[in-house]
Amino acid sequence: SPPVVAPLTWTAGSGVAGAAEGSLAVATFESPVGCAIDTISTDIFVSVATAVGLIRRVTYDGRVNIFVGSASGYANAIRHSAGTTYPRDFTITPSGEFYFTESHGNKIRKCTAGGSVTLVAGQAVAAPADGYVLAVASAARFANPIGIALLGAILTVADEQNRVIRYVNPADGDATVVRAGTGASGHDDGPAG
């Protein structure tokens, strides 16, 4: 028999641009682009791709709040003291921490379940120039990283403007391995790497 499909329903947001917190009906979002579900808490995390990059949380009990961010720029800190720029995509670990890309910040960041944000790879400055350097931690350079996924213990990152798929080790920030792509624009099939 065919799988049972739940009806599509509205979850959160009033349809008005903004960053208002509160109930599902009054909360507002500006440029939501990425989301992921924490399988432990069933909270939904939503990235807001603006210069004042926010990560919003939609809780199981129907509240929307700002989980991380309050100012643009770069700051490793906890919750509202953390600075992010254009956070894009997420991947959440089974323990509830998550990794996210910053497209305009050219970084890969980590956020613990408690909201502590740190750098995994990319320049440790607010608005770094695009770059392509296969290196470790803050020596690595990206150009508009957008997609991210966790494959075992390794992050897989779509480095859009460099036109490659890169592996990043979250344990030490090693971003020296290109999984696929030559850096040339196109859609030719062939062996990876």
C-alpha atoms as a PDB file:
ATOM      1  CA  SER A   1       0.000   0.000   0.000  1.00  0.00           C
ATOM      2  CA  PRO A   2       1.179   3.602  -0.580  1.00  0.00           C
ATOM      3  CA  PRO A   3       2.894   5.441   2.284  1.00  0.00           C
ATOM      4  CA  VAL A   4       0.768   7.646   4.509  1.00  0.00           C
ATOM      5  CA  VAL A   5       1.541  11.303   3.841  1.00  0.00           C
ATOM      6  CA  ALA A   6       0.714  13.923   6.445  1.00  0.00           C
ATOM      7  CA  PRO A   7      -1.186  16.956   5.157  1.00  0.00           C
ATOM      8  CA  LEU A   8       0.926  20.030   4.483  1.00  0.00           C
ATOM      9  CA  THR A   9       0.325  22.623   7.177  1.00  0.00           C
ATOM     10  CA  TRP A  10       1.661  26.044   8.046  1.00  0.00           C
ATOM     11  CA  THR A  11       4.211  25.930  10.868  1.00  0.00           C
ATOM     12  CA  ALA A  12       5.421  29.412  11.788  1.00  0.00           C
ATOM     13  CA  GLY A  13       5.546  32.983  10.549  1.00  0.00           C
ATOM     14  CA  SER A  14       2.965  35.684   9.944  1.00  0.00           C
ATOM     15  CA  GLY A  15       4.008  36.398   6.363  1.00  0.00           C
ATOM     16  CA  VAL A  16       5.456  39.769   7.386  1.00  0.00           C
ATOM     17  CA  ALA A  17       9.221  40.359   7.162  1.00  0.00           C
ATOM     18  CA  GLY A  18      10.960  40.798  10.506  1.00  0.00           C
ATOM     19  CA  ALA A  19      12.470  39.050  13.515  1.00  0.00           C
ATOM     20  CA  ALA A  20       9.614  39.152  16.020  1.00  0.00           C
ATOM     21  CA  GLU A  21       9.658  36.385  18.592  1.00  0.00           C
ATOM     22  CA  GLY A  22       6.615  34.763  20.146  1.00  0.00           C
ATOM     23  CA  SER A  23       3.883  32.348  19.186  1.00  0.00           C
ATOM     24  CA  LEU A  24       3.734  30.695  15.775  1.00  0.00           C
ATOM     25  CA  ALA A  25       1.097  33.168  14.574  1.00  0.00           C
ATOM     26  CA  VAL A  26       2.929  36.379  15.552  1.00  0.00           C
ATOM     27  CA  ALA A  27       6.530  35.404  14.817  1.00  0.00           C
ATOM     28  CA  THR A  28       8.087  37.012  11.755  1.00  0.00           C
ATOM     29  CA  PHE A  29      10.970  35.897   9.539  1.00  0.00           C
ATOM     30  CA  GLU A  30      13.201  37.778   7.110  1.00  0.00           C
ATOM     31  CA  SER A  31      14.875  35.698   4.379  1.00  0.00           C
ATOM     32  CA  PRO A  32      14.651  32.209   5.926  1.00  0.00           C
ATOM     33  CA  VAL A  33      16.813  29.941   3.758  1.00  0.00           C
ATOM     34  CA  GLY A  34      17.840  26.816   5.651  1.00  0.00           C
ATOM     35  CA  CYS A  35      16.220  24.601   8.226  1.00  0.00           C
ATOM     36  CA  ALA A  36      16.843  21.377  10.068  1.00  0.00           C
ATOM     37  CA  ILE A  37      15.082  19.401  12.766  1.00  0.00           C
ATOM     38  CA  ASP A  38      16.771  18.354  15.988  1.00  0.00           C
ATOM     39  CA  THR A  39      15.629  14.753  16.455  1.00  0.00           C
ATOM     40  CA  ILE A  40      16.221  14.954  20.215  1.00  0.00           C
ATOM     41  CA  SER A  41      14.104  18.018  21.024  1.00  0.00           C
ATOM     42  CA  THR A  42      12.094  18.081  17.741  1.00  0.00           C
ATOM     43  CA  ASP A  43      12.860  21.810  17.582  1.00  0.00           C
ATOM     44  CA  ILE A  44      13.209  23.286  14.098  1.00  0.00           C
ATOM     45  CA  PHE A  45      16.227  25.527  13.522  1.00  0.00           C
ATOM     46  CA  VAL A  46      15.954  28.115  10.738  1.00  0.00           C
ATOM     47  CA  SER A  47      18.771  30.195   9.267  1.00  0.00           C
ATOM     48  CA  VAL A  48      18.042  33.793   8.332  1.00  0.00           C
ATOM     49  CA  ALA A  49      20.356  34.897   5.510  1.00  0.00           C
ATOM     50  CA  THR A  50      20.832  38.586   6.194  1.00  0.00           C
ATOM     51  CA  ALA A  51      23.819  40.711   7.198  1.00  0.00           C
ATOM     52  CA  VAL A  52      22.619  40.377  10.794  1.00  0.00           C
ATOM     53  CA  GLY A  53      22.609  36.607  10.563  1.00  0.00           C
ATOM     54  CA  LEU A  54      20.251  34.883  12.944  1.00  0.00           C
ATOM     55  CA  ILE A  55      19.481  31.298  13.710  1.00  0.00           C
ATOM     56  CA  ARG A  56      15.884  31.010  14.858  1.00  0.00           C
ATOM     57  CA  ARG A  57      14.344  28.148  16.816  1.00  0.00           C
ATOM     58  CA  VAL A  58      10.766  26.933  16.504  1.00  0.00           C
ATOM     59  CA  THR A  59      10.096  24.900  19.631  1.00  0.00           C
ATOM     60  CA  TYR A  60       7.896  21.861  19.956  1.00  0.00           C
ATOM     61  CA  ASP A  61       5.487  23.816  22.192  1.00  0.00           C
ATOM     62  CA  GLY A  62       4.911  26.478  19.530  1.00  0.00           C
ATOM     63  CA  ARG A  63       7.282  29.334  20.332  1.00  0.00           C
ATOM     64  CA  VAL A  64       9.702  31.066  17.981  1.00  0.00           C
ATOM     65  CA  ASN A  65      12.849  32.710  19.321  1.00  0.00           C
ATOM     66  CA  ILE A  66      16.289  33.832  18.266  1.00  0.00           C
ATOM     67  CA  PHE A  67      18.646  31.026  19.232  1.00  0.00           C
ATOM     68  CA  VAL A  68      21.928  32.505  17.972  1.00  0.00           C
ATOM     69  CA  GLY A  69      22.973  35.948  16.771  1.00  0.00           C
ATOM     70  CA  SER A  70      22.042  39.552  17.338  1.00  0.00           C
ATOM     71  CA  ALA A  71      24.641  41.484  15.378  1.00  0.00           C
ATOM     72  CA  SER A  72      26.393  41.103  12.071  1.00  0.00           C
ATOM     73  CA  GLY A  73      30.037  40.275  11.873  1.00  0.00           C
ATOM     74  CA  TYR A  74      32.122  37.582  13.409  1.00  0.00           C
ATOM     75  CA  ALA A  75      32.141  36.599  17.070  1.00  0.00           C
ATOM     76  CA  ASN A  76      32.624  33.220  18.689  1.00  0.00           C
ATOM     77  CA  ALA A  77      30.319  33.468  21.668  1.00  0.00           C
ATOM     78  CA  ILE A  78      27.184  32.080  23.287  1.00  0.00           C
ATOM     79  CA  ARG A  79      23.671  32.610  21.947  1.00  0.00           C
ATOM     80  CA  HIS A  80      22.864  36.300  21.363  1.00  0.00           C
ATOM     81  CA  SER A  81      26.483  37.393  21.734  1.00  0.00           C
ATOM     82  CA  ALA A  82      27.530  35.327  18.719  1.00  0.00           C
ATOM     83  CA  GLY A  83      27.995  37.176  15.450  1.00  0.00           C
ATOM     84  CA  THR A  84      27.153  35.475  12.150  1.00  0.00           C
ATOM     85  CA  THR A  85      26.841  36.738   8.573  1.00  0.00           C
ATOM     86  CA  TYR A  86      24.403  35.119   6.157  1.00  0.00           C
ATOM     87  CA  PRO A  87      24.087  31.670   7.739  1.00  0.00           C
ATOM     88  CA  ARG A  88      22.740  29.300   5.099  1.00  0.00           C
ATOM     89  CA  ASP A  89      22.501  25.553   5.572  1.00  0.00           C
ATOM     90  CA  PHE A  90      22.636  23.197   8.576  1.00  0.00           C
ATOM     91  CA  THR A  91      23.424  19.681   9.535  1.00  0.00           C
ATOM     92  CA  ILE A  92      22.507  18.465  13.008  1.00  0.00           C
ATOM     93  CA  THR A  93      24.352  15.683  14.831  1.00  0.00           C
ATOM     94  CA  PRO A  94      22.601  12.976  16.875  1.00  0.00           C
ATOM     95  CA  SER A  95      23.793  14.759  20.049  1.00  0.00           C
ATOM     96  CA  GLY A  96      21.976  17.986  19.120  1.00  0.00           C
ATOM     97  CA  GLU A  97      24.906  20.165  18.086  1.00  0.00           C
ATOM     98  CA  PHE A  98      24.889  21.528  14.577  1.00  0.00           C
ATOM     99  CA  TYR A  99      27.216  22.815  11.890  1.00  0.00           C
ATOM    100  CA  PHE A 100      26.286  25.579   9.489  1.00  0.00           C
ATOM    101  CA  THR A 101      27.689  27.457   6.525  1.00  0.00           C
ATOM    102  CA  GLU A 102      28.030  31.236   6.345  1.00  0.00           C
ATOM    103  CA  SER A 103      27.798  32.124   2.674  1.00  0.00           C
ATOM    104  CA  HIS A 104      28.989  35.744   2.870  1.00  0.00           C
ATOM    105  CA  GLY A 105      31.194  35.029   5.862  1.00  0.00           C
ATOM    106  CA  ASN A 106      32.956  32.234   3.931  1.00  0.00           C
ATOM    107  CA  LYS A 107      33.060  30.037   7.018  1.00  0.00           C
ATOM    108  CA  ILE A 108      31.958  26.751   8.509  1.00  0.00           C
ATOM    109  CA  ARG A 109      30.741  27.182  12.087  1.00  0.00           C
ATOM    110  CA  LYS A 110      29.679  24.878  14.927  1.00  0.00           C
ATOM    111  CA  CYS A 111      26.937  25.523  17.468  1.00  0.00           C
ATOM    112  CA  THR A 112      26.559  23.364  20.564  1.00  0.00           C
ATOM    113  CA  ALA A 113      23.160  22.368  21.921  1.00  0.00           C
ATOM    114  CA  GLY A 114      23.640  25.136  24.504  1.00  0.00           C
ATOM    115  CA  GLY A 115      24.223  27.784  21.833  1.00  0.00           C
ATOM    116  CA  SER A 116      28.007  28.210  21.946  1.00  0.00           C
ATOM    117  CA  VAL A 117      29.202  29.172  18.445  1.00  0.00           C
ATOM    118  CA  THR A 118      32.780  28.517  17.301  1.00  0.00           C
ATOM    119  CA  LEU A 119      34.755  28.496  14.058  1.00  0.00           C
ATOM    120  CA  VAL A 120      35.478  25.188  12.320  1.00  0.00           C
ATOM    121  CA  ALA A 121      37.099  26.449   9.111  1.00  0.00           C
ATOM    122  CA  GLY A 122      37.502  29.744   7.257  1.00  0.00           C
ATOM    123  CA  GLN A 123      38.956  33.141   8.115  1.00  0.00           C
ATOM    124  CA  ALA A 124      38.326  34.408  11.632  1.00  0.00           C
ATOM    125  CA  VAL A 125      37.240  37.900  10.503  1.00  0.00           C
ATOM    126  CA  ALA A 126      33.875  39.525   9.855  1.00  0.00           C
ATOM    127  CA  ALA A 127      33.895  39.891   6.055  1.00  0.00           C
ATOM    128  CA  PRO A 128      36.679  37.839   4.479  1.00  0.00           C
ATOM    129  CA  ALA A 129      37.291  37.933   0.755  1.00  0.00           C
ATOM    130  CA  ASP A 130      36.352  34.902  -1.312  1.00  0.00           C
ATOM    131  CA  GLY A 131      39.229  32.473  -1.628  1.00  0.00           C
ATOM    132  CA  TYR A 132      40.261  28.951  -2.424  1.00  0.00           C
ATOM    133  CA  VAL A 133      42.850  27.593  -0.052  1.00  0.00           C
ATOM    134  CA  LEU A 134      42.947  23.939   0.964  1.00  0.00           C
ATOM    135  CA  ALA A 135      44.172  24.289   4.537  1.00  0.00           C
ATOM    136  CA  VAL A 136      43.227  23.694   8.165  1.00  0.00           C
ATOM    137  CA  ALA A 137      40.914  25.776  10.395  1.00  0.00           C
ATOM    138  CA  SER A 138      41.354  29.556  10.011  1.00  0.00           C
ATOM    139  CA  ALA A 139      43.920  29.125   7.191  1.00  0.00           C
ATOM    140  CA  ALA A 140      41.268  27.551   4.912  1.00  0.00           C
ATOM    141  CA  ARG A 141      39.441  29.761   2.406  1.00  0.00           C
ATOM    142  CA  PHE A 142      35.999  29.352   0.864  1.00  0.00           C
ATOM    143  CA  ALA A 143      33.927  31.281  -1.672  1.00  0.00           C
ATOM    144  CA  ASN A 144      30.249  31.266  -0.753  1.00  0.00           C
ATOM    145  CA  PRO A 145      29.890  27.884   0.961  1.00  0.00           C
ATOM    146  CA  ILE A 146      26.225  26.985   0.979  1.00  0.00           C
ATOM    147  CA  GLY A 147      25.239  23.324   1.324  1.00  0.00           C
ATOM    148  CA  ILE A 148      26.477  21.159   4.192  1.00  0.00           C
ATOM    149  CA  ALA A 149      25.883  17.561   5.260  1.00  0.00           C
ATOM    150  CA  LEU A 150      27.407  15.205   7.786  1.00  0.00           C
ATOM    151  CA  LEU A 151      28.807  11.950   6.395  1.00  0.00           C
ATOM    152  CA  GLY A 152      29.905   9.862   9.356  1.00  0.00           C
ATOM    153  CA  ALA A 153      32.274  12.148  11.243  1.00  0.00           C
ATOM    154  CA  ILE A 154      33.143  14.351   8.229  1.00  0.00           C
ATOM    155  CA  LEU A 155      31.330  17.418   6.899  1.00  0.00           C
ATOM    156  CA  THR A 156      30.672  17.662   3.175  1.00  0.00           C
ATOM    157  CA  VAL A 157      30.464  21.277   1.987  1.00  0.00           C
ATOM    158  CA  ALA A 158      29.303  22.744  -1.332  1.00  0.00           C
ATOM    159  CA  ASP A 159      31.822  25.541  -1.972  1.00  0.00           C
ATOM    160  CA  GLU A 160      29.690  27.300  -4.583  1.00  0.00           C
ATOM    161  CA  GLN A 161      31.926  29.938  -6.170  1.00  0.00           C
ATOM    162  CA  ASN A 162      34.933  27.607  -6.147  1.00  0.00           C
ATOM    163  CA  ARG A 163      32.766  24.982  -7.874  1.00  0.00           C
ATOM    164  CA  VAL A 164      33.901  22.095  -5.701  1.00  0.00           C
ATOM    165  CA  ILE A 165      32.570  19.760  -3.023  1.00  0.00           C
ATOM    166  CA  ARG A 166      34.926  19.719  -0.050  1.00  0.00           C
ATOM    167  CA  TYR A 167      35.383  17.541   2.990  1.00  0.00           C
ATOM    168  CA  VAL A 168      35.889  19.335   6.301  1.00  0.00           C
ATOM    169  CA  ASN A 169      36.894  17.492   9.457  1.00  0.00           C
ATOM    170  CA  PRO A 170      34.995  19.167  12.315  1.00  0.00           C
ATOM    171  CA  ALA A 171      37.454  17.838  14.892  1.00  0.00           C
ATOM    172  CA  ASP A 172      40.361  19.955  13.627  1.00  0.00           C
ATOM    173  CA  GLY A 173      38.983  22.094  10.783  1.00  0.00           C
ATOM    174  CA  ASP A 174      40.967  20.220   8.120  1.00  0.00           C
ATOM    175  CA  ALA A 175      39.559  21.459   4.795  1.00  0.00           C
ATOM    176  CA  THR A 176      42.299  20.116   2.540  1.00  0.00           C
ATOM    177  CA  VAL A 177      40.334  17.436   0.678  1.00  0.00           C
ATOM    178  CA  VAL A 178      38.279  18.096  -2.452  1.00  0.00           C
ATOM    179  CA  ARG A 179      35.718  15.334  -2.894  1.00  0.00           C
ATOM    180  CA  ALA A 180      34.448  16.347  -6.332  1.00  0.00           C
ATOM    181  CA  GLY A 181      34.828  19.083  -8.911  1.00  0.00           C
ATOM    182  CA  THR A 182      37.695  20.663 -10.789  1.00  0.00           C
ATOM    183  CA  GLY A 183      36.873  24.298 -10.128  1.00  0.00           C
ATOM    184  CA  ALA A 184      35.696  24.713 -13.725  1.00  0.00           C
ATOM    185  CA  SER A 185      32.098  25.643 -14.452  1.00  0.00           C
ATOM    186  CA  GLY A 186      30.073  22.901 -16.106  1.00  0.00           C
ATOM    187  CA  HIS A 187      28.056  19.762 -15.581  1.00  0.00           C
ATOM    188  CA  ASP A 188      30.243  17.012 -17.015  1.00  0.00           C
ATOM    189  CA  ASP A 189      30.029  13.626 -15.360  1.00  0.00           C
ATOM    190  CA  GLY A 190      33.145  11.692 -14.450  1.00  0.00           C
ATOM    191  CA  PRO A 191      35.189  10.346 -11.580  1.00  0.00           C
ATOM    192  CA  ALA A 192      35.106  12.280  -8.321  1.00  0.00           C
ATOM    193  CA  GLY A 193      38.130  14.371  -7.382  1.00  0.00           C
END
